[in-house]
């Protein structure tokens, strides 16, 4: 429950741009989700830092949202504050390095597809492999976006973080623990009392390449995605991580005979079994029910326990959670 004095503070420091009880169905690619008690879209890094300091001091839990493309928000909503970075740090800058490589600096709120397209136009090899993946740069880094063609961690050089005190700390990419569909933040004594809250920008160093060749590869990759994924339908991408060994999650779900299965308005995609699509005004409970059903059936059929790739936000997020 947000106290009235905290609401008054939020209204004052955002000049009225804060929204209370904002339906999250408007801000996620699944198009489902109950209300966030507080919904904020800061316009600048200074405003973001001010809000995070104030929320931290007031002990209001915070979830930082990227593009909303890998999240399922529960129907009851979020009791804390949700910050979306769409208007904060959306810049992308390009510079030549002394060794002939190309440096691209991108804000966390920048569109990942826009970053990939820019890299292709400038003849920068590496980010072209991520073309077609939705969401923001910050969210892509937090989830180590990528696939068989490569990962965003392959080409990132450094990441700038905002801490609870409002300080920006730049860390080399090697200081992060990169994993399949995830990233672990640096753990050092300096962060014990001043914790990193969110990514604000990243630097990528890329090798030069022929723009026409990169463009052709991107077109081929996009065409492959269109044929193999339910592009254009409301989904959150792959629901489950692929098991560390053996067949993919999609294969296991497909062979368990689950394609096309529905609960309410949610359906296991007929195009790719590791996608759930909102086909008829689904609610989060419909999608969650399908997730549980799939996990149980795959365990029964194959003896494999599938792990969620998407992030499920229930009633109250952990303080200063990141996506």
Protein backbone atom coordinates (compact mmCIF):
# COMPACT_ATOMS: atom_id res chain seq x y z
CA UNK A 1 0.00 0.00 0.00
CA UNK A 2 1.46 3.35 -1.05
CA UNK A 3 1.06 5.97 1.66
CA UNK A 4 -0.61 9.28 0.82
CA UNK A 5 2.49 11.27 1.71
CA UNK A 6 4.53 9.09 -0.66
CA UNK A 7 1.97 9.68 -3.41
CA UNK A 8 2.23 13.42 -2.82
CA UNK A 9 6.03 13.21 -3.08
CA UNK A 10 5.80 11.25 -6.34
CA UNK A 11 3.36 13.74 -7.85
CA UNK A 12 5.55 16.64 -6.84
CA UNK A 13 8.88 15.29 -8.10
CA UNK A 14 7.46 14.08 -11.44
CA UNK A 15 5.30 17.17 -11.99
CA UNK A 16 2.23 14.95 -12.08
CA UNK A 17 3.54 12.38 -14.57
CA UNK A 18 3.30 9.48 -12.11
CA UNK A 19 0.43 7.04 -12.62
CA UNK A 20 -1.18 5.05 -9.86
CA UNK A 21 -2.84 1.65 -10.39
CA UNK A 22 -1.65 1.57 -14.00
CA UNK A 23 -2.79 -1.60 -15.89
CA UNK A 24 0.32 -3.49 -16.94
CA UNK A 25 -1.52 -5.04 -19.88
CA UNK A 26 -0.71 -1.75 -21.63
CA UNK A 27 3.03 -2.21 -21.17
CA UNK A 28 3.84 -5.89 -21.75
CA UNK A 29 4.05 -7.83 -25.00
CA UNK A 30 1.71 -10.48 -23.53
CA UNK A 31 -0.94 -7.71 -23.18
CA UNK A 32 -1.96 -9.04 -19.78
CA UNK A 33 -1.27 -7.95 -16.21
CA UNK A 34 -2.94 -6.23 -13.31
CA UNK A 35 -2.18 -2.73 -12.02
CA UNK A 36 1.17 -1.44 -10.82
CA UNK A 37 0.58 0.56 -7.63
CA UNK A 38 3.05 3.15 -8.96
CA UNK A 39 4.08 3.48 -12.61
CA UNK A 40 6.94 5.81 -13.55
CA UNK A 41 8.58 6.73 -16.84
CA UNK A 42 11.45 9.07 -15.98
CA UNK A 43 12.51 11.53 -18.68
CA UNK A 44 16.18 11.81 -17.71
CA UNK A 45 18.96 10.06 -15.85
CA UNK A 46 18.84 12.73 -13.13
CA UNK A 47 15.13 12.13 -12.62
CA UNK A 48 15.67 8.37 -12.53
CA UNK A 49 18.39 8.74 -9.89
CA UNK A 50 16.20 11.05 -7.79
CA UNK A 51 13.26 8.64 -7.95
CA UNK A 52 15.33 5.60 -7.06
CA UNK A 53 16.92 7.35 -4.08
CA UNK A 54 13.52 8.47 -2.82
CA UNK A 55 11.88 5.07 -3.32
CA UNK A 56 14.78 3.35 -1.59
CA UNK A 57 14.61 5.76 1.37
CA UNK A 58 10.84 5.16 1.63
CA UNK A 59 11.28 1.37 1.47
CA UNK A 60 9.07 1.06 -1.62
CA UNK A 61 9.96 -2.02 -3.68
CA UNK A 62 10.99 -1.29 -7.25
CA UNK A 63 10.98 -3.25 -10.47
CA UNK A 64 12.84 -1.76 -13.44
CA UNK A 65 11.18 -2.76 -16.71
CA UNK A 66 12.86 -2.88 -20.08
CA UNK A 67 10.69 -3.31 -23.15
CA UNK A 68 8.15 -5.53 -21.37
CA UNK A 69 8.80 -8.37 -23.82
CA UNK A 70 9.91 -11.09 -21.42
CA UNK A 71 7.57 -10.54 -18.47
CA UNK A 72 4.29 -11.97 -17.20
CA UNK A 73 2.59 -9.70 -14.66
CA UNK A 74 0.12 -11.40 -12.36
CA UNK A 75 -3.54 -10.39 -12.55
CA UNK A 76 -3.47 -8.87 -9.07
CA UNK A 77 -0.71 -6.54 -10.18
CA UNK A 78 2.36 -5.15 -8.45
CA UNK A 79 2.23 -3.59 -5.00
CA UNK A 80 5.41 -1.56 -5.39
CA UNK A 81 6.74 0.86 -8.02
CA UNK A 82 7.44 -0.11 -11.60
CA UNK A 83 9.88 2.07 -13.55
CA UNK A 84 9.93 1.83 -17.31
CA UNK A 85 12.98 3.28 -19.04
CA UNK A 86 11.40 3.97 -22.43
CA UNK A 87 12.01 7.73 -22.26
CA UNK A 88 15.17 7.57 -20.15
CA UNK A 89 18.56 7.13 -21.81
CA UNK A 90 17.26 6.08 -25.26
CA UNK A 91 20.32 7.52 -27.06
CA UNK A 92 22.68 5.61 -29.34
CA UNK A 93 26.10 7.06 -30.28
CA UNK A 94 28.81 5.79 -32.63
CA UNK A 95 32.56 6.51 -32.65
CA UNK A 96 35.63 5.05 -34.36
CA UNK A 97 38.29 3.37 -32.23
CA UNK A 98 42.01 3.92 -32.85
CA UNK A 99 42.46 0.25 -33.84
CA UNK A 100 39.87 0.41 -36.62
CA UNK A 101 37.03 -1.11 -34.65
CA UNK A 102 33.78 0.76 -33.98
CA UNK A 103 32.42 1.73 -30.57
CA UNK A 104 28.68 2.08 -30.03
CA UNK A 105 27.29 3.52 -26.79
CA UNK A 106 23.62 2.76 -26.16
CA UNK A 107 21.35 3.86 -23.33
CA UNK A 108 19.40 1.19 -21.46
CA UNK A 109 16.12 2.60 -22.75
CA UNK A 110 17.19 2.34 -26.39
CA UNK A 111 15.39 -0.14 -28.63
CA UNK A 112 17.43 -3.29 -29.25
CA UNK A 113 16.08 -3.63 -32.83
CA UNK A 114 17.04 0.00 -33.51
CA UNK A 115 20.55 -0.65 -32.16
CA UNK A 116 20.91 -3.70 -34.40
CA UNK A 117 19.74 -1.81 -37.48
CA UNK A 118 22.17 1.04 -36.79
CA UNK A 119 25.06 -1.39 -36.38
CA UNK A 120 24.21 -3.02 -39.71
CA UNK A 121 24.02 0.34 -41.51
CA UNK A 122 27.40 1.35 -40.09
CA UNK A 123 28.99 -1.96 -41.04
CA UNK A 124 29.48 -3.23 -37.48
CA UNK A 125 29.64 -7.00 -37.07
CA UNK A 126 28.17 -8.71 -34.00
CA UNK A 127 24.90 -7.03 -33.13
CA UNK A 128 23.43 -8.11 -36.46
CA UNK A 129 23.02 -11.57 -34.92
CA UNK A 130 20.42 -10.18 -32.50
CA UNK A 131 18.16 -8.74 -35.19
CA UNK A 132 14.51 -9.57 -34.59
CA UNK A 133 14.80 -9.84 -30.81
CA UNK A 134 12.38 -7.30 -29.26
CA UNK A 135 12.84 -5.19 -26.15
CA UNK A 136 15.30 -2.66 -24.82
CA UNK A 137 19.08 -2.68 -24.58
CA UNK A 138 18.94 -2.82 -20.77
CA UNK A 139 16.57 -5.76 -20.77
CA UNK A 140 18.63 -7.56 -23.41
CA UNK A 141 21.74 -7.22 -21.25
CA UNK A 142 19.98 -8.35 -18.08
CA UNK A 143 18.71 -11.45 -19.90
CA UNK A 144 21.83 -11.97 -22.05
CA UNK A 145 19.72 -11.93 -25.19
CA UNK A 146 20.78 -14.06 -28.12
CA UNK A 147 20.73 -17.57 -29.46
CA UNK A 148 22.62 -20.01 -31.63
CA UNK A 149 24.08 -17.14 -33.67
CA UNK A 150 25.58 -15.42 -30.63
CA UNK A 151 24.84 -13.51 -27.43
CA UNK A 152 24.85 -9.84 -26.54
CA UNK A 153 27.56 -10.64 -23.97
CA UNK A 154 29.87 -11.54 -26.88
CA UNK A 155 30.15 -7.91 -27.99
CA UNK A 156 29.56 -5.73 -24.91
CA UNK A 157 32.70 -4.09 -23.48
CA UNK A 158 31.35 -2.26 -20.43
CA UNK A 159 28.09 -1.49 -18.62
CA UNK A 160 27.22 1.58 -16.54
CA UNK A 161 25.04 0.97 -13.49
CA UNK A 162 23.03 3.30 -11.28
CA UNK A 163 23.28 2.62 -7.54
CA UNK A 164 20.81 3.30 -4.75
CA UNK A 165 22.68 6.50 -3.84
CA UNK A 166 22.29 7.82 -7.38
CA UNK A 167 25.91 7.21 -8.34
CA UNK A 168 26.86 5.84 -11.78
CA UNK A 169 29.45 3.08 -11.76
CA UNK A 170 31.07 1.76 -14.94
CA UNK A 171 32.03 -1.92 -14.89
CA UNK A 172 33.83 -3.93 -17.56
CA UNK A 173 31.75 -6.71 -19.09
CA UNK A 174 34.13 -9.28 -17.62
CA UNK A 175 33.05 -8.30 -14.11
CA UNK A 176 29.57 -9.69 -14.76
CA UNK A 177 28.66 -13.34 -14.56
CA UNK A 178 27.14 -14.16 -17.94
CA UNK A 179 24.88 -17.17 -18.22
CA UNK A 180 22.37 -18.69 -20.58
CA UNK A 181 19.44 -16.25 -20.56
CA UNK A 182 20.81 -14.37 -17.60
CA UNK A 183 23.48 -12.21 -16.05
CA UNK A 184 24.84 -11.96 -12.50
CA UNK A 185 25.82 -8.52 -11.25
CA UNK A 186 29.30 -7.79 -9.84
CA UNK A 187 29.63 -8.66 -6.16
CA UNK A 188 32.18 -6.44 -4.41
CA UNK A 189 32.40 -4.78 -0.98
CA UNK A 190 31.66 -1.38 -2.51
CA UNK A 191 28.11 -2.54 -3.27
CA UNK A 192 27.20 -3.74 0.22
CA UNK A 193 25.55 -0.46 1.22
CA UNK A 194 25.14 1.13 -2.21
CA UNK A 195 23.55 -1.52 -4.37
CA UNK A 196 23.34 -1.40 -8.18
CA UNK A 197 19.73 -0.80 -9.15
CA UNK A 198 19.62 -0.75 -12.92
CA UNK A 199 21.61 -0.57 -16.12
CA UNK A 200 21.78 2.92 -17.61
CA UNK A 201 24.02 2.37 -20.64
CA UNK A 202 26.47 0.01 -22.30
CA UNK A 203 29.43 0.20 -24.67
CA UNK A 204 29.87 -2.24 -27.54
CA UNK A 205 33.10 -2.63 -29.51
CA UNK A 206 32.50 -4.20 -32.92
CA UNK A 207 34.58 -5.30 -35.86
CA UNK A 208 33.98 -3.54 -39.19
CA UNK A 209 32.33 -5.56 -41.95
CA UNK A 210 30.53 -5.11 -45.26
CA UNK A 211 27.11 -3.50 -44.60
CA UNK A 212 25.55 -5.28 -47.57
CA UNK A 213 26.66 -8.67 -46.33
CA UNK A 214 25.40 -7.90 -42.83
CA UNK A 215 22.09 -6.73 -44.26
CA UNK A 216 21.70 -9.93 -46.28
CA UNK A 217 22.43 -12.03 -43.19
CA UNK A 218 19.90 -10.01 -41.19
CA UNK A 219 17.20 -10.48 -43.83
CA UNK A 220 17.83 -14.22 -43.85
CA UNK A 221 17.70 -14.39 -40.05
CA UNK A 222 14.49 -12.34 -39.88
CA UNK A 223 12.89 -14.53 -42.53
CA UNK A 224 13.84 -17.61 -40.52
CA UNK A 225 12.29 -16.11 -37.38
CA UNK A 226 9.07 -15.27 -39.24
CA UNK A 227 8.76 -18.85 -40.44
CA UNK A 228 9.53 -20.46 -37.08
CA UNK A 229 7.98 -18.10 -34.52
CA UNK A 230 4.47 -16.63 -34.01
CA UNK A 231 5.48 -13.15 -35.14
CA UNK A 232 2.64 -10.64 -34.84
CA UNK A 233 0.84 -12.44 -32.01
CA UNK A 234 0.91 -11.30 -28.40
CA UNK A 235 3.56 -13.37 -26.65
CA UNK A 236 6.62 -13.00 -24.45
CA UNK A 237 9.06 -14.99 -26.56
CA UNK A 238 10.23 -18.40 -25.43
CA UNK A 239 8.59 -19.45 -22.17
CA UNK A 240 11.16 -22.01 -21.04
CA UNK A 241 14.93 -22.22 -21.18
CA UNK A 242 16.36 -25.04 -23.24
CA UNK A 243 17.65 -27.88 -21.04
CA UNK A 244 21.46 -27.93 -20.68
CA UNK A 245 21.62 -31.26 -22.49
CA UNK A 246 19.36 -33.05 -24.92
CA UNK A 247 16.55 -31.73 -27.14
CA UNK A 248 15.25 -28.17 -26.95
CA UNK A 249 12.26 -27.16 -24.83
CA UNK A 250 10.22 -26.58 -27.99
CA UNK A 251 10.95 -30.11 -29.21
CA UNK A 252 9.97 -31.66 -25.87
CA UNK A 253 6.71 -29.70 -25.71
CA UNK A 254 5.85 -30.46 -29.34
CA UNK A 255 6.55 -34.19 -28.95
CA UNK A 256 4.41 -34.24 -25.81
CA UNK A 257 1.50 -33.31 -28.12
CA UNK A 258 0.82 -29.92 -26.56
CA UNK A 259 0.79 -27.58 -29.58
CA UNK A 260 -2.52 -25.76 -29.85
CA UNK A 261 -3.61 -26.58 -26.29
CA UNK A 262 -5.62 -23.74 -24.75
CA UNK A 263 -6.60 -22.52 -21.32
CA UNK A 264 -8.98 -19.58 -21.51
CA UNK A 265 -7.60 -17.09 -23.99
CA UNK A 266 -4.03 -18.45 -23.92
CA UNK A 267 -2.74 -21.02 -26.38
CA UNK A 268 0.48 -22.97 -26.92
CA UNK A 269 1.59 -21.69 -30.30
CA UNK A 270 0.93 -23.92 -33.30
CA UNK A 271 4.04 -22.43 -34.92
CA UNK A 272 6.57 -22.88 -32.10
CA UNK A 273 5.69 -25.00 -29.06
CA UNK A 274 7.88 -22.97 -26.68
CA UNK A 275 5.70 -19.88 -27.22
CA UNK A 276 2.40 -19.14 -25.50
CA UNK A 277 0.22 -16.63 -27.32
CA UNK A 278 -2.64 -14.47 -26.13
CA UNK A 279 -5.30 -15.31 -28.71
CA UNK A 280 -8.54 -14.21 -27.01
CA UNK A 281 -8.16 -11.68 -24.19
CA UNK A 282 -6.21 -14.05 -21.96
CA UNK A 283 -5.45 -13.23 -18.34
CA UNK A 284 -2.22 -14.02 -16.52
CA UNK A 285 -3.89 -16.96 -14.77
CA UNK A 286 -4.59 -18.56 -18.18
CA UNK A 287 -0.94 -18.25 -19.19
CA UNK A 288 0.32 -19.38 -15.80
CA UNK A 289 -1.98 -22.39 -15.99
CA UNK A 290 -0.53 -23.37 -19.35
CA UNK A 291 3.01 -22.95 -18.04
CA UNK A 292 2.28 -25.31 -15.14
CA UNK A 293 0.52 -27.80 -17.40
CA UNK A 294 3.41 -27.86 -19.88
CA UNK A 295 6.00 -28.29 -17.14
CA UNK A 296 4.06 -31.20 -15.62
CA UNK A 297 3.43 -32.95 -18.94
CA UNK A 298 7.04 -32.66 -20.06
CA UNK A 299 8.21 -34.02 -16.71
CA UNK A 300 5.78 -36.95 -17.03
CA UNK A 301 6.69 -37.66 -20.65
CA UNK A 302 10.42 -36.96 -20.68
CA UNK A 303 11.58 -36.69 -17.06
CA UNK A 304 12.85 -33.16 -17.73
CA UNK A 305 11.99 -30.21 -15.48
CA UNK A 306 11.71 -27.09 -17.64
CA UNK A 307 12.88 -23.81 -16.14
CA UNK A 308 11.13 -20.52 -16.87
CA UNK A 309 12.84 -18.12 -19.23
CA UNK A 310 10.24 -15.40 -18.72
CA UNK A 311 10.05 -13.43 -15.49
CA UNK A 312 6.79 -13.79 -13.57
CA UNK A 313 5.86 -10.78 -11.42
CA UNK A 314 3.37 -11.57 -8.71
CA UNK A 315 1.83 -9.39 -6.01
CA UNK A 316 5.00 -7.77 -4.70
CA UNK A 317 8.39 -7.62 -6.42
CA UNK A 318 11.65 -7.98 -4.56
CA UNK A 319 13.17 -4.62 -3.65
CA UNK A 320 15.13 -3.26 -6.59
CA UNK A 321 14.62 -6.21 -8.91
CA UNK A 322 15.90 -5.83 -12.45
CA UNK A 323 14.68 -7.06 -15.83
